[in-house]
Amino acid sequence: MDGKKFRKVIYYKSYFRDFLKAQTINVKKKIIWTLELIEDIEKVQETYLKHISGTDGLYEIRINIGTNTYRIFCFFAEDKLVVLMNSFQKKTQKTPKSEIQKPVKLKAGYEQENK
């Protein structure tokens, strides 16, 4: 790898940072590893980054550690900019609609602020 980044990951407000602070060191390491992967490789597999069907440009970063599953909601802004929003530990097979409603509102807020 020549050090070239294919995208840049940023945080919207403190939602993601607050989530990250509350995690164990092993979870933090895996999350950071996954975010670096998203920045560093040109084509990210759906295993790590997947569009959420039925949404307008909302994605989830998918992190599995043992039997625990974590999701970080994000979207693409400008050119190659990934904006992280809220996150949660997934406890059911399907992502609850209530969890998807939060990042939809956050994305709208970001877009309003960055017109």
Protein backbone atom coordinates (compact mmCIF):
# COMPACT_ATOMS: atom_id res chain seq x y z
CA MET A 1 0.00 0.00 0.00
CA ASP A 2 1.44 3.34 -1.01
CA GLY A 3 -0.29 5.37 1.71
CA LYS A 4 -3.00 6.67 -0.65
CA LYS A 5 -6.39 7.04 0.96
CA PHE A 6 -9.47 6.37 -1.14
CA ARG A 7 -11.79 8.13 1.25
CA LYS A 8 -11.73 10.14 4.46
CA VAL A 9 -13.77 9.26 7.54
CA ILE A 10 -15.08 12.09 9.73
CA TYR A 11 -17.50 12.27 12.68
CA TYR A 12 -20.72 14.24 12.77
CA LYS A 13 -21.02 15.88 16.18
CA SER A 14 -20.16 13.56 19.10
CA TYR A 15 -22.52 10.63 18.51
CA PHE A 16 -19.91 8.19 17.23
CA ARG A 17 -17.13 9.36 19.57
CA ASP A 18 -19.39 8.90 22.60
CA PHE A 19 -20.21 5.37 21.44
CA LEU A 20 -16.54 4.54 20.84
CA LYS A 21 -15.47 5.81 24.29
CA ALA A 22 -17.92 3.42 25.96
CA GLN A 23 -16.50 0.29 24.26
CA THR A 24 -13.88 -2.16 25.51
CA ILE A 25 -10.32 -1.90 24.17
CA ASN A 26 -10.82 -4.93 21.86
CA VAL A 27 -13.99 -3.46 20.38
CA LYS A 28 -12.27 -0.09 19.90
CA LYS A 29 -9.35 -1.76 18.10
CA LYS A 30 -11.68 -3.62 15.71
CA ILE A 31 -13.72 -0.48 15.01
CA ILE A 32 -10.59 1.56 14.27
CA TRP A 33 -9.21 -1.24 12.09
CA THR A 34 -12.47 -1.31 10.11
CA LEU A 35 -12.53 2.48 9.66
CA GLU A 36 -8.93 2.43 8.41
CA LEU A 37 -9.85 -0.35 5.99
CA ILE A 38 -12.70 1.79 4.62
CA GLU A 39 -10.28 4.66 4.07
CA ASP A 40 -7.48 2.54 2.60
CA ILE A 41 -9.06 0.18 0.07
CA GLU A 42 -10.71 1.20 -3.17
CA LYS A 43 -13.60 -1.29 -3.18
CA VAL A 44 -14.98 -2.07 0.28
CA GLN A 45 -16.81 -5.38 0.60
CA GLU A 46 -20.40 -5.44 1.86
CA THR A 47 -19.08 -7.41 4.81
CA TYR A 48 -17.82 -4.06 6.13
CA LEU A 49 -19.91 -1.35 4.44
CA LYS A 50 -23.42 -1.87 3.15
CA HIS A 51 -26.14 0.41 1.81
CA ILE A 52 -29.33 0.23 3.87
CA SER A 53 -32.14 -0.56 1.46
CA GLY A 54 -35.06 1.81 1.45
CA THR A 55 -32.93 4.81 2.48
CA ASP A 56 -31.52 7.77 0.60
CA GLY A 57 -27.79 7.11 0.75
CA LEU A 58 -27.57 5.70 4.27
CA TYR A 59 -24.95 3.02 4.92
CA GLU A 60 -23.96 0.89 7.86
CA ILE A 61 -20.44 -0.07 8.79
CA ARG A 62 -20.63 -3.64 10.00
CA ILE A 63 -18.39 -4.92 12.77
CA ASN A 64 -18.53 -8.43 14.21
CA ILE A 65 -16.49 -9.46 17.23
CA GLY A 66 -17.22 -12.97 18.39
CA THR A 67 -20.96 -13.15 18.94
CA ASN A 68 -21.30 -9.35 19.23
CA THR A 69 -22.40 -7.24 16.30
CA TYR A 70 -21.97 -3.47 16.05
CA ARG A 71 -23.32 -1.02 13.49
CA ILE A 72 -22.10 2.47 12.70
CA PHE A 73 -24.39 4.51 10.49
CA CYS A 74 -22.79 6.72 7.88
CA PHE A 75 -23.26 8.39 4.52
CA PHE A 76 -21.08 9.80 1.77
CA ALA A 77 -20.73 13.57 1.49
CA GLU A 78 -18.80 15.55 -1.08
CA ASP A 79 -16.14 13.53 -2.85
CA LYS A 80 -14.97 10.44 -0.95
CA LEU A 81 -15.98 11.76 2.48
CA VAL A 82 -17.61 9.25 4.85
CA VAL A 83 -19.57 10.90 7.66
CA LEU A 84 -20.08 8.74 10.77
CA MET A 85 -23.20 9.26 12.84
CA ASN A 86 -24.77 7.20 15.59
CA SER A 87 -23.86 3.61 16.43
CA PHE A 88 -25.30 0.74 18.39
CA GLN A 89 -24.74 -2.85 19.39
CA LYS A 90 -27.07 -4.99 17.34
CA LYS A 91 -29.07 -7.57 19.27
CA THR A 92 -31.52 -8.80 16.63
CA GLN A 93 -31.16 -10.22 13.12
CA LYS A 94 -32.75 -7.21 11.46
CA THR A 95 -31.79 -3.60 12.20
CA PRO A 96 -34.74 -2.04 14.09
CA LYS A 97 -36.55 0.78 12.27
CA SER A 98 -36.13 3.01 15.33
CA GLU A 99 -32.35 2.71 14.94
CA ILE A 100 -32.57 3.70 11.26
CA GLN A 101 -34.74 6.76 11.96
CA LYS A 102 -31.97 8.40 14.04
CA PRO A 103 -29.33 8.55 11.29
CA VAL A 104 -31.94 9.67 8.73
CA LYS A 105 -32.56 12.75 10.92
CA LEU A 106 -28.84 13.25 11.58
CA LYS A 107 -28.02 13.08 7.86
CA ALA A 108 -30.69 15.71 7.16
CA GLY A 109 -29.20 17.90 9.90
CA TYR A 110 -25.69 17.55 8.47
CA GLU A 111 -26.89 18.40 4.98
CA GLN A 112 -28.79 21.44 6.27
CA GLU A 113 -25.70 22.70 8.12
CA ASN A 114 -23.40 22.12 5.13
CA LYS A 115 -25.41 23.67 2.27
